[in-house]
Structure formats: C-alpha cells, structure tokens
C-alpha cells in the first residue's frame, strides 16, 4: 500500500476528484494548505500599499491505494491537475505499513 499526496491548485480539485472517481478511487482526504516552491509568491496592492503574498493557497490530496493502482492514480492526477503554468503542484508517493478500518477491523488492502 502507498499514500499518494498531491498538492494542486484549488480550482482543479473538482476535475481531479471526478477523474479519480472514474478510475475507481472511492475515498480521498482534502486539506486546504498554503506554501510556495519555484512559483515563490506574488505582490498585491491593498489600499494603495504593496505587499508580498509569500504563501500561495493550494489543496493537498491524500489517497491510500494498493500498490498496483499507484501508477494509474499518479497519471490521473497529473493529467487532470495540469494547466501548463508554473505552480501546478507536486505528487509524492510514500510507503504505508498498515491500514485499519475502525468500524469492521479490516486490515491492509481490505481496509482501503
């Protein structure tokens, strides 16, 4: 099992969620986050004063999948989140040792 973490632009969330649903992903966790990478930040004007917005609003998706679905999920997220502009996001894959469904006690892939 793996945990796939994806940081994407907020306006792409629905498109990514729908694409994941089409490939059989039934559950994701979504968190609103802020951060920056190569995109850095940008300057905005408020009441005549200029200020720098260092942290850009993003959305973080966490998806637990069986090993055999990892490549398909990564491809699906990358295709549906891409705008072709800087700041499209990142995808990380982390190993997951165990999963447990609290309600039934199922473990491993059965708990996903």
PDB file of N, CA and C in Angstrom:
ATOM      1  N   UNK A   1       0.843  -1.181   0.000  1.00  0.00           N
ATOM      2  CA  UNK A   1       0.000   0.000   0.000  1.00  0.00           C
ATOM      3  C   UNK A   1       0.881   1.234   0.000  1.00  0.00           C
ATOM      4  N   UNK A   2       0.325   2.298  -0.577  1.00  0.00           N
ATOM      5  CA  UNK A   2       1.034   3.573  -0.648  1.00  0.00           C
ATOM      6  C   UNK A   2       0.070   4.698  -0.298  1.00  0.00           C
ATOM      7  N   UNK A   3       0.641   5.788   0.197  1.00  0.00           N
ATOM      8  CA  UNK A   3      -0.103   7.037   0.355  1.00  0.00           C
ATOM      9  C   UNK A   3       0.385   7.956  -0.751  1.00  0.00           C
ATOM     10  N   UNK A   4      -0.538   8.466  -1.530  1.00  0.00           N
ATOM     11  CA  UNK A   4      -0.192   9.439  -2.559  1.00  0.00           C
ATOM     12  C   UNK A   4      -0.641  10.794  -2.046  1.00  0.00           C
ATOM     13  N   UNK A   5       0.301  11.724  -1.965  1.00  0.00           N
ATOM     14  CA  UNK A   5      -0.005  13.099  -1.577  1.00  0.00           C
ATOM     15  C   UNK A   5       0.179  13.967  -2.806  1.00  0.00           C
ATOM     16  N   UNK A   6      -0.819  14.758  -3.097  1.00  0.00           N
ATOM     17  CA  UNK A   6      -0.746  15.652  -4.245  1.00  0.00           C
ATOM     18  C   UNK A   6      -1.087  17.059  -3.788  1.00  0.00           C
ATOM     19  N   UNK A   7      -0.250  18.014  -4.173  1.00  0.00           N
ATOM     20  CA  UNK A   7      -0.506  19.426  -3.909  1.00  0.00           C
ATOM     21  C   UNK A   7      -0.910  20.031  -5.253  1.00  0.00           C
ATOM     22  N   UNK A   8      -2.127  20.569  -5.329  1.00  0.00           N
ATOM     23  CA  UNK A   8      -2.628  21.084  -6.602  1.00  0.00           C
ATOM     24  C   UNK A   8      -3.254  22.461  -6.417  1.00  0.00           C
ATOM     25  N   UNK A   9      -3.572  23.101  -7.537  1.00  0.00           N
ATOM     26  CA  UNK A   9      -4.276  24.383  -7.493  1.00  0.00           C
ATOM     27  C   UNK A   9      -5.721  24.132  -7.083  1.00  0.00           C
ATOM     28  N   UNK A  10      -6.264  24.992  -6.217  1.00  0.00           N
ATOM     29  CA  UNK A  10      -7.622  24.760  -5.694  1.00  0.00           C
ATOM     30  C   UNK A  10      -8.705  24.630  -6.766  1.00  0.00           C
ATOM     31  N   UNK A  11      -8.611  25.398  -7.834  1.00  0.00           N
ATOM     32  CA  UNK A  11      -9.669  25.356  -8.837  1.00  0.00           C
ATOM     33  C   UNK A  11      -9.658  24.061  -9.654  1.00  0.00           C
ATOM     34  N   UNK A  12      -8.619  23.235  -9.500  1.00  0.00           N
ATOM     35  CA  UNK A  12      -8.538  21.958 -10.201  1.00  0.00           C
ATOM     36  C   UNK A  12      -9.110  20.800  -9.374  1.00  0.00           C
ATOM     37  N   UNK A  13      -9.527  21.069  -8.147  1.00  0.00           N
ATOM     38  CA  UNK A  13      -9.975  19.998  -7.245  1.00  0.00           C
ATOM     39  C   UNK A  13     -11.118  19.169  -7.823  1.00  0.00           C
ATOM     40  N   UNK A  14     -12.167  19.806  -8.308  1.00  0.00           N
ATOM     41  CA  UNK A  14     -13.314  19.056  -8.826  1.00  0.00           C
ATOM     42  C   UNK A  14     -12.922  18.186 -10.011  1.00  0.00           C
ATOM     43  N   UNK A  15     -12.111  18.727 -10.894  1.00  0.00           N
ATOM     44  CA  UNK A  15     -11.671  17.970 -12.067  1.00  0.00           C
ATOM     45  C   UNK A  15     -10.853  16.738 -11.651  1.00  0.00           C
ATOM     46  N   UNK A  16      -9.946  16.926 -10.697  1.00  0.00           N
ATOM     47  CA  UNK A  16      -9.128  15.813 -10.215  1.00  0.00           C
ATOM     48  C   UNK A  16     -10.002  14.784  -9.493  1.00  0.00           C
ATOM     49  N   UNK A  17     -10.902  15.256  -8.653  1.00  0.00           N
ATOM     50  CA  UNK A  17     -11.797  14.352  -7.910  1.00  0.00           C
ATOM     51  C   UNK A  17     -12.634  13.508  -8.867  1.00  0.00           C
ATOM     52  N   UNK A  18     -13.187  14.119  -9.898  1.00  0.00           N
ATOM     53  CA  UNK A  18     -14.001  13.389 -10.871  1.00  0.00           C
ATOM     54  C   UNK A  18     -13.162  12.379 -11.651  1.00  0.00           C
ATOM     55  N   UNK A  19     -11.950  12.758 -12.025  1.00  0.00           N
ATOM     56  CA  UNK A  19     -11.065  11.847 -12.755  1.00  0.00           C
ATOM     57  C   UNK A  19     -10.680  10.655 -11.885  1.00  0.00           C
ATOM     58  N   UNK A  20     -10.406  10.894 -10.604  1.00  0.00           N
ATOM     59  CA  UNK A  20     -10.068   9.799  -9.693  1.00  0.00           C
ATOM     60  C   UNK A  20     -11.259   8.858  -9.501  1.00  0.00           C
ATOM     61  N   UNK A  21     -12.434   9.422  -9.432  1.00  0.00           N
ATOM     62  CA  UNK A  21     -13.642   8.609  -9.294  1.00  0.00           C
ATOM     63  C   UNK A  21     -13.808   7.691 -10.501  1.00  0.00           C
ATOM     64  N   UNK A  22     -13.492   8.188 -11.688  1.00  0.00           N
ATOM     65  CA  UNK A  22     -13.614   7.393 -12.911  1.00  0.00           C
ATOM     66  C   UNK A  22     -12.649   6.204 -12.948  1.00  0.00           C
ATOM     67  N   UNK A  23     -11.509   6.312 -12.242  1.00  0.00           N
ATOM     68  CA  UNK A  23     -10.561   5.186 -12.217  1.00  0.00           C
ATOM     69  C   UNK A  23     -10.754   4.293 -10.988  1.00  0.00           C
ATOM     70  N   UNK A  24     -11.839   4.548 -10.237  1.00  0.00           N
ATOM     71  CA  UNK A  24     -12.193   3.653  -9.142  1.00  0.00           C
ATOM     72  C   UNK A  24     -11.745   4.058  -7.757  1.00  0.00           C
ATOM     73  N   UNK A  25     -11.241   5.266  -7.591  1.00  0.00           N
ATOM     74  CA  UNK A  25     -10.844   5.729  -6.255  1.00  0.00           C
ATOM     75  C   UNK A  25     -12.099   6.191  -5.522  1.00  0.00           C
ATOM     76  N   UNK A  26     -12.350   5.589  -4.373  1.00  0.00           N
ATOM     77  CA  UNK A  26     -13.584   5.860  -3.640  1.00  0.00           C
ATOM     78  C   UNK A  26     -13.415   6.844  -2.497  1.00  0.00           C
ATOM     79  N   UNK A  27     -12.180   7.094  -2.065  1.00  0.00           N
ATOM     80  CA  UNK A  27     -12.008   7.998  -0.936  1.00  0.00           C
ATOM     81  C   UNK A  27     -10.734   8.807  -1.025  1.00  0.00           C
ATOM     82  N   UNK A  28     -10.844  10.076  -0.703  1.00  0.00           N
ATOM     83  CA  UNK A  28      -9.671  10.948  -0.623  1.00  0.00           C
ATOM     84  C   UNK A  28      -9.855  11.882   0.567  1.00  0.00           C
ATOM     85  N   UNK A  29      -8.753  12.370   1.072  1.00  0.00           N
ATOM     86  CA  UNK A  29      -8.783  13.393   2.111  1.00  0.00           C
ATOM     87  C   UNK A  29      -8.252  14.672   1.490  1.00  0.00           C
ATOM     88  N   UNK A  30      -8.965  15.775   1.697  1.00  0.00           N
ATOM     89  CA  UNK A  30      -8.592  17.051   1.107  1.00  0.00           C
ATOM     90  C   UNK A  30      -8.361  18.061   2.223  1.00  0.00           C
ATOM     91  N   UNK A  31      -7.234  18.760   2.137  1.00  0.00           N
ATOM     92  CA  UNK A  31      -6.887  19.777   3.120  1.00  0.00           C
ATOM     93  C   UNK A  31      -6.485  21.052   2.394  1.00  0.00           C
ATOM     94  N   UNK A  32      -6.973  22.185   2.867  1.00  0.00           N
ATOM     95  CA  UNK A  32      -6.525  23.465   2.317  1.00  0.00           C
ATOM     96  C   UNK A  32      -5.184  23.792   2.957  1.00  0.00           C
ATOM     97  N   UNK A  33      -4.188  24.062   2.137  1.00  0.00           N
ATOM     98  CA  UNK A  33      -2.846  24.355   2.626  1.00  0.00           C
ATOM     99  C   UNK A  33      -2.315  25.608   1.940  1.00  0.00           C
ATOM    100  N   UNK A  34      -1.213  26.116   2.440  1.00  0.00           N
ATOM    101  CA  UNK A  34      -0.515  27.241   1.819  1.00  0.00           C
ATOM    102  C   UNK A  34       0.951  26.891   1.728  1.00  0.00           C
ATOM    103  N   UNK A  35       1.596  27.346   0.672  1.00  0.00           N
ATOM    104  CA  UNK A  35       3.020  27.064   0.525  1.00  0.00           C
ATOM    105  C   UNK A  35       3.578  27.752  -0.696  1.00  0.00           C
ATOM    106  N   UNK A  36       4.848  27.475  -0.962  1.00  0.00           N
ATOM    107  CA  UNK A  36       5.459  28.005  -2.169  1.00  0.00           C
ATOM    108  C   UNK A  36       6.600  27.108  -2.582  1.00  0.00           C
ATOM    109  N   UNK A  37       6.880  27.121  -3.850  1.00  0.00           N
ATOM    110  CA  UNK A  37       8.009  26.406  -4.429  1.00  0.00           C
ATOM    111  C   UNK A  37       8.678  27.368  -5.386  1.00  0.00           C
ATOM    112  N   UNK A  38       8.907  26.923  -6.586  1.00  0.00           N
ATOM    113  CA  UNK A  38       9.512  27.798  -7.590  1.00  0.00           C
ATOM    114  C   UNK A  38       8.623  28.975  -7.925  1.00  0.00           C
ATOM    115  N   UNK A  39       7.332  28.805  -7.712  1.00  0.00           N
ATOM    116  CA  UNK A  39       6.379  29.869  -8.012  1.00  0.00           C
ATOM    117  C   UNK A  39       6.623  31.084  -7.108  1.00  0.00           C
ATOM    118  N   UNK A  40       7.264  30.844  -5.972  1.00  0.00           N
ATOM    119  CA  UNK A  40       7.512  31.867  -4.943  1.00  0.00           C
ATOM    120  C   UNK A  40       6.196  32.476  -4.508  1.00  0.00           C
ATOM    121  N   UNK A  41       6.063  33.732  -4.592  1.00  0.00           N
ATOM    122  CA  UNK A  41       4.831  34.403  -4.206  1.00  0.00           C
ATOM    123  C   UNK A  41       4.526  35.459  -5.244  1.00  0.00           C
ATOM    124  N   UNK A  42       3.707  36.393  -4.879  1.00  0.00           N
ATOM    125  CA  UNK A  42       3.431  37.492  -5.790  1.00  0.00           C
ATOM    126  C   UNK A  42       3.114  38.742  -4.973  1.00  0.00           C
ATOM    127  N   UNK A  43       3.143  39.866  -5.642  1.00  0.00           N
ATOM    128  CA  UNK A  43       2.895  41.147  -4.992  1.00  0.00           C
ATOM    129  C   UNK A  43       1.463  41.571  -5.269  1.00  0.00           C
ATOM    130  N   UNK A  44       0.790  42.057  -4.227  1.00  0.00           N
ATOM    131  CA  UNK A  44      -0.572  42.558  -4.387  1.00  0.00           C
ATOM    132  C   UNK A  44      -0.652  43.965  -3.832  1.00  0.00           C
ATOM    133  N   UNK A  45      -1.689  44.662  -4.238  1.00  0.00           N
ATOM    134  CA  UNK A  45      -1.913  46.029  -3.801  1.00  0.00           C
ATOM    135  C   UNK A  45      -3.163  46.061  -2.935  1.00  0.00           C
ATOM    136  N   UNK A  46      -3.076  46.643  -1.744  1.00  0.00           N
ATOM    137  CA  UNK A  46      -4.226  46.768  -0.870  1.00  0.00           C
ATOM    138  C   UNK A  46      -4.256  48.171  -0.291  1.00  0.00           C
ATOM    139  N   UNK A  47      -5.299  48.926  -0.586  1.00  0.00           N
ATOM    140  CA  UNK A  47      -5.454  50.310  -0.122  1.00  0.00           C
ATOM    141  C   UNK A  47      -4.208  51.141  -0.406  1.00  0.00           C
ATOM    142  N   UNK A  48      -3.680  50.955  -1.582  1.00  0.00           N
ATOM    143  CA  UNK A  48      -2.535  51.748  -2.013  1.00  0.00           C
ATOM    144  C   UNK A  48      -1.190  51.239  -1.528  1.00  0.00           C
ATOM    145  N   UNK A  49      -1.183  50.242  -0.672  1.00  0.00           N
ATOM    146  CA  UNK A  49       0.075  49.703  -0.159  1.00  0.00           C
ATOM    147  C   UNK A  49       0.364  48.369  -0.851  1.00  0.00           C
ATOM    148  N   UNK A  50       1.604  48.209  -1.256  1.00  0.00           N
ATOM    149  CA  UNK A  50       2.015  46.973  -1.905  1.00  0.00           C
ATOM    150  C   UNK A  50       2.541  45.998  -0.861  1.00  0.00           C
ATOM    151  N   UNK A  51       2.145  44.739  -0.959  1.00  0.00           N
ATOM    152  CA  UNK A  51       2.650  43.737  -0.031  1.00  0.00           C
ATOM    153  C   UNK A  51       2.868  42.424  -0.770  1.00  0.00           C
ATOM    154  N   UNK A  52       3.730  41.593  -0.214  1.00  0.00           N
ATOM    155  CA  UNK A  52       4.087  40.330  -0.848  1.00  0.00           C
ATOM    156  C   UNK A  52       3.285  39.197  -0.215  1.00  0.00           C
ATOM    157  N   UNK A  53       2.671  38.386  -1.060  1.00  0.00           N
ATOM    158  CA  UNK A  53       1.980  37.183  -0.611  1.00  0.00           C
ATOM    159  C   UNK A  53       2.974  36.040  -0.793  1.00  0.00           C
ATOM    160  N   UNK A  54       3.584  35.607   0.317  1.00  0.00           N
ATOM    161  CA  UNK A  54       4.618  34.579   0.255  1.00  0.00           C
ATOM    162  C   UNK A  54       4.049  33.181   0.046  1.00  0.00           C
ATOM    163  N   UNK A  55       2.945  32.896   0.692  1.00  0.00           N
ATOM    164  CA  UNK A  55       2.380  31.565   0.645  1.00  0.00           C
ATOM    165  C   UNK A  55       1.149  31.552  -0.250  1.00  0.00           C
ATOM    166  N   UNK A  56       1.173  30.650  -1.220  1.00  0.00           N
ATOM    167  CA  UNK A  56       0.102  30.539  -2.198  1.00  0.00           C
ATOM    168  C   UNK A  56      -0.901  29.489  -1.715  1.00  0.00           C
ATOM    169  N   UNK A  57      -2.212  29.787  -1.776  1.00  0.00           N
ATOM    170  CA  UNK A  57      -3.207  28.775  -1.381  1.00  0.00           C
ATOM    171  C   UNK A  57      -3.174  27.587  -2.340  1.00  0.00           C
ATOM    172  N   UNK A  58      -3.163  26.403  -1.772  1.00  0.00           N
ATOM    173  CA  UNK A  58      -3.180  25.162  -2.540  1.00  0.00           C
ATOM    174  C   UNK A  58      -4.126  24.187  -1.863  1.00  0.00           C
ATOM    175  N   UNK A  59      -4.326  23.035  -2.486  1.00  0.00           N
ATOM    176  CA  UNK A  59      -5.120  21.963  -1.911  1.00  0.00           C
ATOM    177  C   UNK A  59      -4.243  20.727  -1.871  1.00  0.00           C
ATOM    178  N   UNK A  60      -4.250  20.037  -0.728  1.00  0.00           N
ATOM    179  CA  UNK A  60      -3.480  18.805  -0.577  1.00  0.00           C
ATOM    180  C   UNK A  60      -4.442  17.626  -0.555  1.00  0.00           C
ATOM    181  N   UNK A  61      -4.201  16.676  -1.456  1.00  0.00           N
ATOM    182  CA  UNK A  61      -4.988  15.451  -1.507  1.00  0.00           C
ATOM    183  C   UNK A  61      -4.173  14.322  -0.911  1.00  0.00           C
ATOM    184  N   UNK A  62      -4.798  13.473  -0.129  1.00  0.00           N
ATOM    185  CA  UNK A  62      -4.156  12.270   0.387  1.00  0.00           C
ATOM    186  C   UNK A  62      -5.022  11.083  -0.017  1.00  0.00           C
ATOM    187  N   UNK A  63      -4.395  10.138  -0.702  1.00  0.00           N
ATOM    188  CA  UNK A  63      -5.116   8.987  -1.224  1.00  0.00           C
ATOM    189  C   UNK A  63      -4.331   7.734  -0.872  1.00  0.00           C
ATOM    190  N   UNK A  64      -4.988   6.774  -0.247  1.00  0.00           N
ATOM    191  CA  UNK A  64      -4.350   5.498   0.071  1.00  0.00           C
ATOM    192  C   UNK A  64      -4.778   4.497  -0.988  1.00  0.00           C
ATOM    193  N   UNK A  65      -3.786   3.873  -1.635  1.00  0.00           N
ATOM    194  CA  UNK A  65      -4.091   2.935  -2.717  1.00  0.00           C
ATOM    195  C   UNK A  65      -3.246   1.668  -2.594  1.00  0.00           C
ATOM    196  N   UNK A  66      -3.740   0.601  -3.213  1.00  0.00           N
ATOM    197  CA  UNK A  66      -2.963  -0.632  -3.328  1.00  0.00           C
ATOM    198  C   UNK A  66      -1.812  -0.380  -4.293  1.00  0.00           C
ATOM    199  N   UNK A  67      -0.715  -1.099  -4.121  1.00  0.00           N
ATOM    200  CA  UNK A  67       0.479  -0.894  -4.934  1.00  0.00           C
ATOM    201  C   UNK A  67       0.199  -0.912  -6.434  1.00  0.00           C
ATOM    202  N   UNK A  68      -0.694  -1.790  -6.864  1.00  0.00           N
ATOM    203  CA  UNK A  68      -0.936  -1.918  -8.305  1.00  0.00           C
ATOM    204  C   UNK A  68      -1.685  -0.731  -8.912  1.00  0.00           C
ATOM    205  N   UNK A  69      -2.275   0.135  -8.077  1.00  0.00           N
ATOM    206  CA  UNK A  69      -3.000   1.310  -8.585  1.00  0.00           C
ATOM    207  C   UNK A  69      -2.175   2.585  -8.595  1.00  0.00           C
ATOM    208  N   UNK A  70      -0.986   2.549  -8.013  1.00  0.00           N
ATOM    209  CA  UNK A  70      -0.186   3.762  -7.848  1.00  0.00           C
ATOM    210  C   UNK A  70       0.062   4.480  -9.172  1.00  0.00           C
ATOM    211  N   UNK A  71       0.556   3.786 -10.170  1.00  0.00           N
ATOM    212  CA  UNK A  71       0.894   4.421 -11.447  1.00  0.00           C
ATOM    213  C   UNK A  71      -0.334   5.061 -12.093  1.00  0.00           C
ATOM    214  N   UNK A  72      -1.466   4.370 -12.059  1.00  0.00           N
ATOM    215  CA  UNK A  72      -2.692   4.894 -12.669  1.00  0.00           C
ATOM    216  C   UNK A  72      -3.181   6.141 -11.943  1.00  0.00           C
ATOM    217  N   UNK A  73      -3.114   6.141 -10.624  1.00  0.00           N
ATOM    218  CA  UNK A  73      -3.570   7.295  -9.843  1.00  0.00           C
ATOM    219  C   UNK A  73      -2.653   8.497 -10.087  1.00  0.00           C
ATOM    220  N   UNK A  74      -1.353   8.272 -10.115  1.00  0.00           N
ATOM    221  CA  UNK A  74      -0.413   9.359 -10.385  1.00  0.00           C
ATOM    222  C   UNK A  74      -0.694   9.961 -11.761  1.00  0.00           C
ATOM    223  N   UNK A  75      -0.843   9.108 -12.751  1.00  0.00           N
ATOM    224  CA  UNK A  75      -1.117   9.578 -14.117  1.00  0.00           C
ATOM    225  C   UNK A  75      -2.425  10.373 -14.175  1.00  0.00           C
ATOM    226  N   UNK A  76      -3.448   9.883 -13.498  1.00  0.00           N
ATOM    227  CA  UNK A  76      -4.749  10.551 -13.484  1.00  0.00           C
ATOM    228  C   UNK A  76      -4.662  11.928 -12.844  1.00  0.00           C
ATOM    229  N   UNK A  77      -3.985  12.020 -11.701  1.00  0.00           N
ATOM    230  CA  UNK A  77      -3.840  13.312 -11.026  1.00  0.00           C
ATOM    231  C   UNK A  77      -3.046  14.276 -11.905  1.00  0.00           C
ATOM    232  N   UNK A  78      -1.927  13.805 -12.448  1.00  0.00           N
ATOM    233  CA  UNK A  78      -1.066  14.669 -13.263  1.00  0.00           C
ATOM    234  C   UNK A  78      -1.813  15.212 -14.476  1.00  0.00           C
ATOM    235  N   UNK A  79      -2.573  14.364 -15.138  1.00  0.00           N
ATOM    236  CA  UNK A  79      -3.304  14.806 -16.326  1.00  0.00           C
ATOM    237  C   UNK A  79      -4.423  15.783 -15.989  1.00  0.00           C
ATOM    238  N   UNK A  80      -5.162  15.513 -14.930  1.00  0.00           N
ATOM    239  CA  UNK A  80      -6.319  16.348 -14.617  1.00  0.00           C
ATOM    240  C   UNK A  80      -5.959  17.631 -13.866  1.00  0.00           C
ATOM    241  N   UNK A  81      -4.788  17.683 -13.213  1.00  0.00           N
ATOM    242  CA  UNK A  81      -4.393  18.882 -12.463  1.00  0.00           C
ATOM    243  C   UNK A  81      -3.539  19.839 -13.297  1.00  0.00           C
ATOM    244  N   UNK A  82      -3.069  19.388 -14.439  1.00  0.00           N
ATOM    245  CA  UNK A  82      -2.114  20.178 -15.225  1.00  0.00           C
ATOM    246  C   UNK A  82      -2.787  21.355 -15.927  1.00  0.00           C
ATOM    247  N   UNK A  83      -2.162  22.528 -15.777  1.00  0.00           N
ATOM    248  CA  UNK A  83      -2.584  23.712 -16.534  1.00  0.00           C
ATOM    249  C   UNK A  83      -1.485  24.125 -17.505  1.00  0.00           C
ATOM    250  N   UNK A  84      -0.264  23.637 -17.250  1.00  0.00           N
ATOM    251  CA  UNK A  84       0.864  24.020 -18.087  1.00  0.00           C
ATOM    252  C   UNK A  84       1.566  25.279 -17.601  1.00  0.00           C
ATOM    253  N   UNK A  85       1.083  25.832 -16.492  1.00  0.00           N
ATOM    254  CA  UNK A  85       1.704  27.043 -15.936  1.00  0.00           C
ATOM    255  C   UNK A  85       2.427  26.692 -14.642  1.00  0.00           C
ATOM    256  N   UNK A  86       3.342  27.561 -14.247  1.00  0.00           N
ATOM    257  CA  UNK A  86       4.090  27.344 -13.013  1.00  0.00           C
ATOM    258  C   UNK A  86       3.119  27.256 -11.837  1.00  0.00           C
ATOM    259  N   UNK A  87       3.428  26.379 -10.886  1.00  0.00           N
ATOM    260  CA  UNK A  87       2.593  26.230  -9.704  1.00  0.00           C
ATOM    261  C   UNK A  87       1.528  25.163  -9.822  1.00  0.00           C
ATOM    262  N   UNK A  88       1.603  24.299 -10.840  1.00  0.00           N
ATOM    263  CA  UNK A  88       0.610  23.243 -10.995  1.00  0.00           C
ATOM    264  C   UNK A  88       0.621  22.263  -9.829  1.00  0.00           C
ATOM    265  N   UNK A  89       1.769  22.101  -9.180  1.00  0.00           N
ATOM    266  CA  UNK A  89       1.801  21.267  -7.987  1.00  0.00           C
ATOM    267  C   UNK A  89       2.812  20.146  -8.051  1.00  0.00           C
ATOM    268  N   UNK A  90       2.703  19.251  -7.086  1.00  0.00           N
ATOM    269  CA  UNK A  90       3.612  18.119  -6.945  1.00  0.00           C
ATOM    270  C   UNK A  90       2.819  16.897  -6.509  1.00  0.00           C
ATOM    271  N   UNK A  91       3.387  15.724  -6.789  1.00  0.00           N
ATOM    272  CA  UNK A  91       2.817  14.463  -6.329  1.00  0.00           C
ATOM    273  C   UNK A  91       3.922  13.692  -5.607  1.00  0.00           C
ATOM    274  N   UNK A  92       3.605  13.194  -4.418  1.00  0.00           N
ATOM    275  CA  UNK A  92       4.556  12.426  -3.632  1.00  0.00           C
ATOM    276  C   UNK A  92       3.948  11.050  -3.346  1.00  0.00           C
ATOM    277  N   UNK A  93       4.787  10.021  -3.354  1.00  0.00           N
ATOM    278  CA  UNK A  93       4.329   8.666  -3.037  1.00  0.00           C
ATOM    279  C   UNK A  93       5.122   8.175  -1.833  1.00  0.00           C
ATOM    280  N   UNK A  94       4.395   7.758  -0.801  1.00  0.00           N
ATOM    281  CA  UNK A  94       5.014   7.313   0.441  1.00  0.00           C
ATOM    282  C   UNK A  94       4.570   5.883   0.757  1.00  0.00           C
ATOM    283  N   UNK A  95       5.453   5.077   1.322  1.00  0.00           N
ATOM    284  CA  UNK A  95       5.048   3.724   1.710  1.00  0.00           C
ATOM    285  C   UNK A  95       4.096   3.775   2.909  1.00  0.00           C
ATOM    286  N   UNK A  96       3.202   2.818   2.959  1.00  0.00           N
ATOM    287  CA  UNK A  96       2.244   2.719   4.053  1.00  0.00           C
ATOM    288  C   UNK A  96       2.323   1.308   4.628  1.00  0.00           C
ATOM    289  N   UNK A  97       2.667   1.218   5.885  1.00  0.00           N
ATOM    290  CA  UNK A  97       2.852  -0.098   6.500  1.00  0.00           C
ATOM    291  C   UNK A  97       1.555  -0.816   6.797  1.00  0.00           C
ATOM    292  N   UNK A  98       0.557  -0.093   7.281  1.00  0.00           N
ATOM    293  CA  UNK A  98      -0.679  -0.768   7.688  1.00  0.00           C
ATOM    294  C   UNK A  98      -1.841   0.197   7.584  1.00  0.00           C
ATOM    295  N   UNK A  99      -3.011  -0.346   7.346  1.00  0.00           N
ATOM    296  CA  UNK A  99      -4.263   0.401   7.358  1.00  0.00           C
ATOM    297  C   UNK A  99      -5.283  -0.444   8.110  1.00  0.00           C
ATOM    298  N   UNK A 100      -6.151   0.211   8.848  1.00  0.00           N
ATOM    299  CA  UNK A 100      -7.170  -0.488   9.630  1.00  0.00           C
ATOM    300  C   UNK A 100      -8.483   0.271   9.517  1.00  0.00           C
ATOM    301  N   UNK A 101      -9.525  -0.426   9.106  1.00  0.00           N
ATOM    302  CA  UNK A 101     -10.859   0.179   9.088  1.00  0.00           C
ATOM    303  C   UNK A 101     -11.425   0.009  10.494  1.00  0.00           C
ATOM    304  N   UNK A 102     -11.656   1.104  11.175  1.00  0.00           N
ATOM    305  CA  UNK A 102     -12.065   1.066  12.575  1.00  0.00           C
ATOM    306  C   UNK A 102     -13.389   0.328  12.756  1.00  0.00           C
ATOM    307  N   UNK A 103     -14.359   0.591  11.897  1.00  0.00           N
ATOM    308  CA  UNK A 103     -15.691   0.014  12.054  1.00  0.00           C
ATOM    309  C   UNK A 103     -15.683  -1.510  12.009  1.00  0.00           C
ATOM    310  N   UNK A 104     -14.954  -2.098  11.047  1.00  0.00           N
ATOM    311  CA  UNK A 104     -15.014  -3.551  10.839  1.00  0.00           C
ATOM    312  C   UNK A 104     -13.793  -4.307  11.313  1.00  0.00           C
ATOM    313  N   UNK A 105     -12.692  -3.592  11.540  1.00  0.00           N
ATOM    314  CA  UNK A 105     -11.469  -4.254  11.921  1.00  0.00           C
ATOM    315  C   UNK A 105     -10.665  -4.779  10.746  1.00  0.00           C
ATOM    316  N   UNK A 106     -11.134  -4.537   9.518  1.00  0.00           N
ATOM    317  CA  UNK A 106     -10.396  -4.995   8.331  1.00  0.00           C
ATOM    318  C   UNK A 106      -9.031  -4.325   8.287  1.00  0.00           C
ATOM    319  N   UNK A 107      -8.044  -5.063   7.780  1.00  0.00           N
ATOM    320  CA  UNK A 107      -6.680  -4.543   7.708  1.00  0.00           C
ATOM    321  C   UNK A 107      -6.149  -4.621   6.292  1.00  0.00           C
ATOM    322  N   UNK A 108      -5.064  -3.862   6.041  1.00  0.00           N
ATOM    323  CA  UNK A 108      -4.380  -3.903   4.761  1.00  0.00           C
ATOM    324  C   UNK A 108      -5.246  -3.401   3.628  1.00  0.00           C
ATOM    325  N   UNK A 109      -5.108  -4.051   2.459  1.00  0.00           N
ATOM    326  CA  UNK A 109      -5.865  -3.637   1.277  1.00  0.00           C
ATOM    327  C   UNK A 109      -7.366  -3.715   1.499  1.00  0.00           C
ATOM    328  N   UNK A 110      -7.826  -4.618   2.355  1.00  0.00           N
ATOM    329  CA  UNK A 110      -9.264  -4.726   2.640  1.00  0.00           C
ATOM    330  C   UNK A 110      -9.796  -3.476   3.340  1.00  0.00           C
ATOM    331  N   UNK A 111      -8.924  -2.764   4.044  1.00  0.00           N
ATOM    332  CA  UNK A 111      -9.345  -1.564   4.769  1.00  0.00           C
ATOM    333  C   UNK A 111      -9.462  -0.345   3.854  1.00  0.00           C
ATOM    334  N   UNK A 112      -8.851  -0.443   2.679  1.00  0.00           N
ATOM    335  CA  UNK A 112      -8.932   0.687   1.736  1.00  0.00           C
ATOM    336  C   UNK A 112     -10.289   0.647   1.139  1.00  0.00           C
TER     337      UNK A 112
END
